[in-house]
Amino acid sequence: MAGRNKKAAKAAFQSFNVVYADDSLSSNRRVSAELLENPYGEEVLELARLAIEKQDDEIAQRSGMRKPRIKSVKAV
């Protein structure tokens, strides 16, 4: 009996453009929609900023190179 091909459910993401303090731009940074859901009424952009800062911290730990502070975040 042939097996049925099951498609894996895709995780929902939202993309953001990030401008850092040195005016460098990081385009289409993806943040899981799960991280953007908050029952406490916080702004989506603030939640995205926190998630991207966490991503940057994890990358900095592995690479040893720190990104500048985030200046602004804009949804794409």
N, C-alpha and C. Protein backbone atom coordinates (compact mmCIF):
# COMPACT_ATOMS: atom_id res chain seq x y z
N MET A 1 0.84 -1.17 0.00
CA MET A 1 0.00 0.00 0.00
C MET A 1 0.89 1.23 0.00
N ALA A 2 0.68 2.10 -0.94
CA ALA A 2 1.50 3.30 -1.07
C ALA A 2 1.15 4.29 0.03
N GLY A 3 2.19 4.88 0.57
CA GLY A 3 1.99 5.89 1.61
C GLY A 3 1.53 7.21 1.04
N ARG A 4 0.79 7.90 1.80
CA ARG A 4 0.28 9.19 1.38
C ARG A 4 1.32 10.26 1.67
N ASN A 5 1.57 11.14 0.70
CA ASN A 5 2.52 12.23 0.92
C ASN A 5 1.88 13.28 1.81
N LYS A 6 2.48 13.50 2.95
CA LYS A 6 1.97 14.52 3.87
C LYS A 6 2.85 15.75 3.74
N LYS A 7 2.23 16.87 3.60
CA LYS A 7 2.98 18.11 3.55
C LYS A 7 3.11 18.66 4.97
N ALA A 8 4.30 19.01 5.32
CA ALA A 8 4.53 19.57 6.65
C ALA A 8 3.91 20.97 6.71
N ALA A 9 3.34 21.26 7.83
CA ALA A 9 2.75 22.58 8.02
C ALA A 9 3.87 23.61 8.12
N LYS A 10 3.72 24.68 7.36
CA LYS A 10 4.74 25.73 7.40
C LYS A 10 4.52 26.62 8.61
N ALA A 11 5.60 26.98 9.22
CA ALA A 11 5.52 27.93 10.32
C ALA A 11 5.24 29.31 9.75
N ALA A 12 4.40 30.04 10.42
CA ALA A 12 4.05 31.38 9.95
C ALA A 12 5.09 32.38 10.45
N PHE A 13 5.60 33.17 9.54
CA PHE A 13 6.58 34.18 9.88
C PHE A 13 6.13 35.54 9.37
N GLN A 14 6.65 36.58 9.98
CA GLN A 14 6.45 37.92 9.47
C GLN A 14 7.83 38.53 9.27
N SER A 15 7.98 39.31 8.20
CA SER A 15 9.27 39.91 7.87
C SER A 15 9.33 41.37 8.32
N PHE A 16 10.53 41.78 8.71
CA PHE A 16 10.77 43.14 9.17
C PHE A 16 12.08 43.66 8.60
N ASN A 17 12.13 44.94 8.32
CA ASN A 17 13.38 45.61 7.98
C ASN A 17 13.89 46.27 9.25
N VAL A 18 15.19 46.11 9.50
CA VAL A 18 15.78 46.63 10.73
C VAL A 18 16.88 47.62 10.36
N VAL A 19 16.83 48.81 10.98
CA VAL A 19 17.89 49.80 10.82
C VAL A 19 18.62 49.86 12.15
N TYR A 20 19.95 49.73 12.08
CA TYR A 20 20.78 49.76 13.28
C TYR A 20 21.31 51.16 13.53
N ALA A 21 21.90 51.37 14.70
CA ALA A 21 22.39 52.69 15.13
C ALA A 21 23.44 53.26 14.17
N ASP A 22 24.17 52.40 13.47
CA ASP A 22 25.17 52.88 12.51
C ASP A 22 24.56 53.07 11.11
N ASP A 23 23.22 53.08 11.04
CA ASP A 23 22.44 53.24 9.81
C ASP A 23 22.59 52.09 8.82
N SER A 24 23.10 50.95 9.26
CA SER A 24 23.11 49.77 8.39
C SER A 24 21.70 49.17 8.40
N LEU A 25 21.34 48.52 7.30
CA LEU A 25 20.01 47.96 7.12
C LEU A 25 20.09 46.45 7.02
N SER A 26 19.21 45.78 7.71
CA SER A 26 19.06 44.34 7.59
C SER A 26 17.64 44.09 7.09
N SER A 27 17.52 43.62 5.86
CA SER A 27 16.21 43.47 5.22
C SER A 27 15.62 42.10 5.47
N ASN A 28 14.31 42.07 5.55
CA ASN A 28 13.53 40.83 5.62
C ASN A 28 13.95 39.91 6.76
N ARG A 29 14.14 40.47 7.93
CA ARG A 29 14.41 39.64 9.11
C ARG A 29 13.12 38.96 9.49
N ARG A 30 13.16 37.64 9.59
CA ARG A 30 11.95 36.87 9.87
C ARG A 30 11.79 36.63 11.36
N VAL A 31 10.54 36.82 11.80
CA VAL A 31 10.18 36.57 13.19
C VAL A 31 8.95 35.67 13.19
N SER A 32 8.98 34.64 13.99
CA SER A 32 7.86 33.72 14.08
C SER A 32 6.61 34.45 14.55
N ALA A 33 5.50 34.18 13.90
CA ALA A 33 4.23 34.81 14.28
C ALA A 33 3.86 34.44 15.72
N GLU A 34 4.31 33.29 16.15
CA GLU A 34 4.05 32.85 17.53
C GLU A 34 4.66 33.82 18.54
N LEU A 35 5.83 34.37 18.21
CA LEU A 35 6.50 35.32 19.11
C LEU A 35 5.83 36.69 19.10
N LEU A 36 5.03 36.95 18.07
CA LEU A 36 4.38 38.25 17.95
C LEU A 36 2.99 38.28 18.59
N GLU A 37 2.54 37.15 19.08
CA GLU A 37 1.24 37.08 19.76
C GLU A 37 1.47 37.34 21.24
N ASN A 38 0.78 38.33 21.76
CA ASN A 38 0.94 38.66 23.17
C ASN A 38 -0.41 39.09 23.74
N PRO A 39 -0.87 38.39 24.75
CA PRO A 39 -2.16 38.73 25.35
C PRO A 39 -2.11 40.00 26.20
N TYR A 40 -0.94 40.57 26.41
CA TYR A 40 -0.81 41.73 27.28
C TYR A 40 -0.90 43.05 26.53
N GLY A 41 -1.17 43.00 25.23
CA GLY A 41 -1.41 44.21 24.46
C GLY A 41 -0.17 44.97 24.03
N GLU A 42 1.01 44.33 24.04
CA GLU A 42 2.21 45.02 23.59
C GLU A 42 2.17 45.20 22.08
N GLU A 43 2.81 46.22 21.59
CA GLU A 43 2.87 46.52 20.17
C GLU A 43 3.64 45.42 19.43
N VAL A 44 3.19 45.09 18.22
CA VAL A 44 3.84 44.06 17.41
C VAL A 44 5.28 44.46 17.10
N LEU A 45 5.51 45.74 16.79
CA LEU A 45 6.88 46.17 16.46
C LEU A 45 7.81 46.04 17.67
N GLU A 46 7.30 46.27 18.86
CA GLU A 46 8.13 46.12 20.06
C GLU A 46 8.45 44.65 20.29
N LEU A 47 7.47 43.79 20.08
CA LEU A 47 7.72 42.34 20.20
C LEU A 47 8.72 41.87 19.16
N ALA A 48 8.60 42.41 17.93
CA ALA A 48 9.54 42.06 16.87
C ALA A 48 10.95 42.52 17.23
N ARG A 49 11.05 43.74 17.78
CA ARG A 49 12.36 44.26 18.18
C ARG A 49 13.01 43.34 19.22
N LEU A 50 12.23 42.90 20.20
CA LEU A 50 12.77 42.01 21.23
C LEU A 50 13.21 40.68 20.64
N ALA A 51 12.42 40.14 19.72
CA ALA A 51 12.77 38.86 19.09
C ALA A 51 14.03 39.00 18.24
N ILE A 52 14.15 40.10 17.50
CA ILE A 52 15.33 40.31 16.65
C ILE A 52 16.56 40.57 17.51
N GLU A 53 16.41 41.29 18.62
CA GLU A 53 17.54 41.48 19.54
C GLU A 53 18.01 40.14 20.09
N LYS A 54 17.07 39.25 20.39
CA LYS A 54 17.44 37.92 20.88
C LYS A 54 18.19 37.14 19.80
N GLN A 55 17.69 37.23 18.54
CA GLN A 55 18.39 36.58 17.42
C GLN A 55 19.80 37.13 17.29
N ASP A 56 19.93 38.45 17.35
CA ASP A 56 21.25 39.08 17.23
C ASP A 56 22.19 38.64 18.36
N ASP A 57 21.65 38.51 19.58
CA ASP A 57 22.47 38.05 20.71
C ASP A 57 22.98 36.63 20.48
N GLU A 58 22.10 35.76 19.97
CA GLU A 58 22.51 34.37 19.71
C GLU A 58 23.58 34.32 18.61
N ILE A 59 23.42 35.12 17.57
CA ILE A 59 24.41 35.18 16.50
C ILE A 59 25.73 35.74 17.02
N ALA A 60 25.66 36.75 17.86
CA ALA A 60 26.88 37.36 18.42
C ALA A 60 27.64 36.37 19.30
N GLN A 61 26.93 35.54 20.02
CA GLN A 61 27.60 34.55 20.86
C GLN A 61 28.39 33.56 20.02
N ARG A 62 27.84 33.18 18.88
CA ARG A 62 28.51 32.21 18.02
C ARG A 62 29.63 32.84 17.20
N SER A 63 29.41 34.07 16.73
CA SER A 63 30.39 34.68 15.83
C SER A 63 31.41 35.54 16.55
N GLY A 64 31.06 36.00 17.74
CA GLY A 64 31.96 36.89 18.47
C GLY A 64 31.89 38.34 17.99
N MET A 65 30.98 38.62 17.06
CA MET A 65 30.82 39.98 16.55
C MET A 65 29.44 40.50 16.91
N ARG A 66 29.42 41.60 17.58
CA ARG A 66 28.18 42.19 18.06
C ARG A 66 27.62 43.18 17.03
N LYS A 67 26.30 43.16 16.78
CA LYS A 67 25.65 44.15 15.92
C LYS A 67 25.39 45.41 16.74
N PRO A 68 25.32 46.56 16.08
CA PRO A 68 24.98 47.79 16.81
C PRO A 68 23.55 47.72 17.36
N ARG A 69 23.21 48.67 18.19
CA ARG A 69 21.88 48.76 18.78
C ARG A 69 20.85 49.01 17.68
N ILE A 70 19.66 48.47 17.84
CA ILE A 70 18.60 48.65 16.85
C ILE A 70 18.03 50.06 16.97
N LYS A 71 17.97 50.75 15.83
CA LYS A 71 17.44 52.11 15.78
C LYS A 71 15.95 52.09 15.48
N SER A 72 15.54 51.27 14.49
CA SER A 72 14.11 51.17 14.17
C SER A 72 13.81 49.83 13.51
N VAL A 73 12.52 49.45 13.62
CA VAL A 73 12.02 48.22 13.03
C VAL A 73 10.75 48.59 12.26
N LYS A 74 10.65 48.07 11.04
CA LYS A 74 9.48 48.35 10.20
C LYS A 74 9.00 47.06 9.57
N ALA A 75 7.69 46.81 9.66
CA ALA A 75 7.13 45.61 9.04
C ALA A 75 7.20 45.72 7.53
N VAL A 76 7.48 44.60 6.87
CA VAL A 76 7.56 44.59 5.40
C VAL A 76 6.23 44.18 4.83
